[in-house]
Amino acid sequence: MNQSQITALAIAGGILFAGYKFGPSYVKAACLAVGAVAVAKRVPYVNAVL
């Protein structure tokens, strides 16, 4: 990963954290789901399946 990819992930993580911290329950669930997909796309074994 280079610096631009890490920066993009950090910005997305910050947005998801804000949604999880201050949003209602359905926004919290959506933030967890989006975060799970973002992490799963980085894991080599799961990435091969997706």
PDB file of N, CA and C in Angstrom:
ATOM      1  N   MET A   1       0.830  -1.174   0.000  1.00  0.00           N
ATOM      2  CA  MET A   1       0.000   0.000   0.000  1.00  0.00           C
ATOM      3  C   MET A   1       0.880   1.245   0.000  1.00  0.00           C
ATOM      4  N   ASN A   2       0.475   2.199  -0.784  1.00  0.00           N
ATOM      5  CA  ASN A   2       1.209   3.453  -0.781  1.00  0.00           C
ATOM      6  C   ASN A   2       0.461   4.492   0.056  1.00  0.00           C
ATOM      7  N   GLN A   3       1.027   5.675   0.122  1.00  0.00           N
ATOM      8  CA  GLN A   3       0.483   6.696   1.009  1.00  0.00           C
ATOM      9  C   GLN A   3      -0.900   7.168   0.577  1.00  0.00           C
ATOM     10  N   SER A   4      -1.169   7.237  -0.708  1.00  0.00           N
ATOM     11  CA  SER A   4      -2.478   7.706  -1.163  1.00  0.00           C
ATOM     12  C   SER A   4      -3.575   6.698  -0.822  1.00  0.00           C
ATOM     13  N   GLN A   5      -3.275   5.405  -0.875  1.00  0.00           N
ATOM     14  CA  GLN A   5      -4.263   4.396  -0.495  1.00  0.00           C
ATOM     15  C   GLN A   5      -4.542   4.436   1.008  1.00  0.00           C
ATOM     16  N   ILE A   6      -3.507   4.625   1.802  1.00  0.00           N
ATOM     17  CA  ILE A   6      -3.686   4.708   3.246  1.00  0.00           C
ATOM     18  C   ILE A   6      -4.486   5.956   3.606  1.00  0.00           C
ATOM     19  N   THR A   7      -4.223   7.068   2.914  1.00  0.00           N
ATOM     20  CA  THR A   7      -4.973   8.295   3.165  1.00  0.00           C
ATOM     21  C   THR A   7      -6.445   8.109   2.842  1.00  0.00           C
ATOM     22  N   ALA A   8      -6.746   7.461   1.740  1.00  0.00           N
ATOM     23  CA  ALA A   8      -8.146   7.217   1.367  1.00  0.00           C
ATOM     24  C   ALA A   8      -8.839   6.335   2.401  1.00  0.00           C
ATOM     25  N   LEU A   9      -8.150   5.303   2.879  1.00  0.00           N
ATOM     26  CA  LEU A   9      -8.732   4.444   3.914  1.00  0.00           C
ATOM     27  C   LEU A   9      -8.920   5.195   5.231  1.00  0.00           C
ATOM     28  N   ALA A  10      -8.006   6.080   5.559  1.00  0.00           N
ATOM     29  CA  ALA A  10      -8.124   6.852   6.797  1.00  0.00           C
ATOM     30  C   ALA A  10      -9.307   7.817   6.734  1.00  0.00           C
ATOM     31  N   ILE A  11      -9.517   8.456   5.603  1.00  0.00           N
ATOM     32  CA  ILE A  11     -10.652   9.361   5.447  1.00  0.00           C
ATOM     33  C   ILE A  11     -11.958   8.588   5.527  1.00  0.00           C
ATOM     34  N   ALA A  12     -12.018   7.448   4.843  1.00  0.00           N
ATOM     35  CA  ALA A  12     -13.228   6.621   4.907  1.00  0.00           C
ATOM     36  C   ALA A  12     -13.466   6.122   6.325  1.00  0.00           C
ATOM     37  N   GLY A  13     -12.413   5.739   7.004  1.00  0.00           N
ATOM     38  CA  GLY A  13     -12.546   5.290   8.383  1.00  0.00           C
ATOM     39  C   GLY A  13     -13.044   6.386   9.306  1.00  0.00           C
ATOM     40  N   GLY A  14     -12.592   7.603   9.087  1.00  0.00           N
ATOM     41  CA  GLY A  14     -13.066   8.730   9.881  1.00  0.00           C
ATOM     42  C   GLY A  14     -14.539   9.014   9.660  1.00  0.00           C
ATOM     43  N   ILE A  15     -14.970   8.921   8.424  1.00  0.00           N
ATOM     44  CA  ILE A  15     -16.391   9.131   8.118  1.00  0.00           C
ATOM     45  C   ILE A  15     -17.229   8.024   8.744  1.00  0.00           C
ATOM     46  N   LEU A  16     -16.768   6.791   8.643  1.00  0.00           N
ATOM     47  CA  LEU A  16     -17.500   5.683   9.242  1.00  0.00           C
ATOM     48  C   LEU A  16     -17.532   5.787  10.762  1.00  0.00           C
ATOM     49  N   PHE A  17     -16.436   6.220  11.363  1.00  0.00           N
ATOM     50  CA  PHE A  17     -16.413   6.388  12.813  1.00  0.00           C
ATOM     51  C   PHE A  17     -17.408   7.453  13.259  1.00  0.00           C
ATOM     52  N   ALA A  18     -17.460   8.558  12.540  1.00  0.00           N
ATOM     53  CA  ALA A  18     -18.404   9.624  12.890  1.00  0.00           C
ATOM     54  C   ALA A  18     -19.843   9.135  12.759  1.00  0.00           C
ATOM     55  N   GLY A  19     -20.125   8.373  11.706  1.00  0.00           N
ATOM     56  CA  GLY A  19     -21.463   7.822  11.548  1.00  0.00           C
ATOM     57  C   GLY A  19     -21.814   6.848  12.650  1.00  0.00           C
ATOM     58  N   TYR A  20     -20.843   6.040  13.054  1.00  0.00           N
ATOM     59  CA  TYR A  20     -21.091   5.073  14.121  1.00  0.00           C
ATOM     60  C   TYR A  20     -21.249   5.764  15.471  1.00  0.00           C
ATOM     61  N   LYS A  21     -20.454   6.773  15.712  1.00  0.00           N
ATOM     62  CA  LYS A  21     -20.451   7.441  17.011  1.00  0.00           C
ATOM     63  C   LYS A  21     -21.707   8.297  17.223  1.00  0.00           C
ATOM     64  N   PHE A  22     -22.148   9.006  16.189  1.00  0.00           N
ATOM     65  CA  PHE A  22     -23.200   9.994  16.364  1.00  0.00           C
ATOM     66  C   PHE A  22     -24.510   9.643  15.660  1.00  0.00           C
ATOM     67  N   GLY A  23     -24.548   8.567  14.888  1.00  0.00           N
ATOM     68  CA  GLY A  23     -25.744   8.246  14.136  1.00  0.00           C
ATOM     69  C   GLY A  23     -26.717   7.364  14.889  1.00  0.00           C
ATOM     70  N   PRO A  24     -27.927   7.272  14.348  1.00  0.00           N
ATOM     71  CA  PRO A  24     -28.898   6.347  14.940  1.00  0.00           C
ATOM     72  C   PRO A  24     -28.506   4.897  14.676  1.00  0.00           C
ATOM     73  N   SER A  25     -29.282   3.979  15.177  1.00  0.00           N
ATOM     74  CA  SER A  25     -28.899   2.563  15.142  1.00  0.00           C
ATOM     75  C   SER A  25     -28.759   2.027  13.714  1.00  0.00           C
ATOM     76  N   TYR A  26     -29.603   2.466  12.784  1.00  0.00           N
ATOM     77  CA  TYR A  26     -29.479   1.947  11.420  1.00  0.00           C
ATOM     78  C   TYR A  26     -28.230   2.490  10.726  1.00  0.00           C
ATOM     79  N   VAL A  27     -27.782   3.679  11.083  1.00  0.00           N
ATOM     80  CA  VAL A  27     -26.543   4.213  10.524  1.00  0.00           C
ATOM     81  C   VAL A  27     -25.344   3.470  11.118  1.00  0.00           C
ATOM     82  N   LYS A  28     -25.424   3.116  12.402  1.00  0.00           N
ATOM     83  CA  LYS A  28     -24.350   2.335  13.023  1.00  0.00           C
ATOM     84  C   LYS A  28     -24.196   0.981  12.340  1.00  0.00           C
ATOM     85  N   ALA A  29     -25.316   0.339  12.045  1.00  0.00           N
ATOM     86  CA  ALA A  29     -25.266  -0.959  11.359  1.00  0.00           C
ATOM     87  C   ALA A  29     -24.679  -0.814   9.966  1.00  0.00           C
ATOM     88  N   ALA A  30     -25.052   0.235   9.270  1.00  0.00           N
ATOM     89  CA  ALA A  30     -24.528   0.457   7.922  1.00  0.00           C
ATOM     90  C   ALA A  30     -23.028   0.739   7.961  1.00  0.00           C
ATOM     91  N   CYS A  31     -22.577   1.509   8.945  1.00  0.00           N
ATOM     92  CA  CYS A  31     -21.150   1.806   9.066  1.00  0.00           C
ATOM     93  C   CYS A  31     -20.342   0.550   9.357  1.00  0.00           C
ATOM     94  N   LEU A  32     -20.858  -0.317  10.203  1.00  0.00           N
ATOM     95  CA  LEU A  32     -20.169  -1.582  10.470  1.00  0.00           C
ATOM     96  C   LEU A  32     -20.103  -2.450   9.227  1.00  0.00           C
ATOM     97  N   ALA A  33     -21.177  -2.479   8.452  1.00  0.00           N
ATOM     98  CA  ALA A  33     -21.193  -3.295   7.236  1.00  0.00           C
ATOM     99  C   ALA A  33     -20.204  -2.757   6.206  1.00  0.00           C
ATOM    100  N   VAL A  34     -20.180  -1.464   6.013  1.00  0.00           N
ATOM    101  CA  VAL A  34     -19.251  -0.873   5.038  1.00  0.00           C
ATOM    102  C   VAL A  34     -17.809  -1.062   5.491  1.00  0.00           C
ATOM    103  N   GLY A  35     -17.560  -0.897   6.776  1.00  0.00           N
ATOM    104  CA  GLY A  35     -16.216  -1.122   7.299  1.00  0.00           C
ATOM    105  C   GLY A  35     -15.771  -2.566   7.143  1.00  0.00           C
ATOM    106  N   ALA A  36     -16.700  -3.504   7.341  1.00  0.00           N
ATOM    107  CA  ALA A  36     -16.371  -4.923   7.176  1.00  0.00           C
ATOM    108  C   ALA A  36     -16.006  -5.244   5.734  1.00  0.00           C
ATOM    109  N   VAL A  37     -16.721  -4.662   4.808  1.00  0.00           N
ATOM    110  CA  VAL A  37     -16.414  -4.894   3.389  1.00  0.00           C
ATOM    111  C   VAL A  37     -15.061  -4.278   3.031  1.00  0.00           C
ATOM    112  N   ALA A  38     -14.775  -3.104   3.552  1.00  0.00           N
ATOM    113  CA  ALA A  38     -13.492  -2.460   3.269  1.00  0.00           C
ATOM    114  C   ALA A  38     -12.327  -3.284   3.800  1.00  0.00           C
ATOM    115  N   VAL A  39     -12.476  -3.839   4.984  1.00  0.00           N
ATOM    116  CA  VAL A  39     -11.421  -4.689   5.549  1.00  0.00           C
ATOM    117  C   VAL A  39     -11.326  -6.004   4.790  1.00  0.00           C
ATOM    118  N   ALA A  40     -12.463  -6.570   4.428  1.00  0.00           N
ATOM    119  CA  ALA A  40     -12.464  -7.856   3.730  1.00  0.00           C
ATOM    120  C   ALA A  40     -11.798  -7.759   2.366  1.00  0.00           C
ATOM    121  N   LYS A  41     -11.886  -6.613   1.730  1.00  0.00           N
ATOM    122  CA  LYS A  41     -11.240  -6.459   0.425  1.00  0.00           C
ATOM    123  C   LYS A  41      -9.730  -6.357   0.543  1.00  0.00           C
ATOM    124  N   ARG A  42      -9.217  -6.104   1.736  1.00  0.00           N
ATOM    125  CA  ARG A  42      -7.771  -6.024   1.960  1.00  0.00           C
ATOM    126  C   ARG A  42      -7.168  -7.346   2.415  1.00  0.00           C
ATOM    127  N   VAL A  43      -7.973  -8.272   2.939  1.00  0.00           N
ATOM    128  CA  VAL A  43      -7.478  -9.562   3.414  1.00  0.00           C
ATOM    129  C   VAL A  43      -7.312 -10.480   2.194  1.00  0.00           C
ATOM    130  N   PRO A  44      -6.127 -11.044   1.985  1.00  0.00           N
ATOM    131  CA  PRO A  44      -5.876 -11.809   0.757  1.00  0.00           C
ATOM    132  C   PRO A  44      -6.815 -13.001   0.560  1.00  0.00           C
ATOM    133  N   TYR A  45      -7.094 -13.746   1.608  1.00  0.00           N
ATOM    134  CA  TYR A  45      -7.920 -14.949   1.441  1.00  0.00           C
ATOM    135  C   TYR A  45      -9.348 -14.587   1.119  1.00  0.00           C
ATOM    136  N   VAL A  46      -9.872 -13.560   1.766  1.00  0.00           N
ATOM    137  CA  VAL A  46     -11.253 -13.148   1.525  1.00  0.00           C
ATOM    138  C   VAL A  46     -11.355 -12.413   0.191  1.00  0.00           C
ATOM    139  N   ASN A  47     -10.326 -11.665  -0.170  1.00  0.00           N
ATOM    140  CA  ASN A  47     -10.329 -10.924  -1.411  1.00  0.00           C
ATOM    141  C   ASN A  47     -10.448 -11.851  -2.613  1.00  0.00           C
ATOM    142  N   ALA A  48      -9.880 -13.029  -2.540  1.00  0.00           N
ATOM    143  CA  ALA A  48      -9.961 -13.980  -3.647  1.00  0.00           C
ATOM    144  C   ALA A  48     -11.386 -14.466  -3.851  1.00  0.00           C
ATOM    145  N   VAL A  49     -12.165 -14.545  -2.781  1.00  0.00           N
ATOM    146  CA  VAL A  49     -13.553 -15.001  -2.880  1.00  0.00           C
ATOM    147  C   VAL A  49     -14.468 -13.876  -3.367  1.00  0.00           C
ATOM    148  N   LEU A  50     -14.207 -12.646  -2.905  1.00  0.00           N
ATOM    149  CA  LEU A  50     -15.036 -11.513  -3.312  1.00  0.00           C
ATOM    150  C   LEU A  50     -14.708 -11.137  -4.727  1.00  0.00           C
TER     151      LEU A  50
END
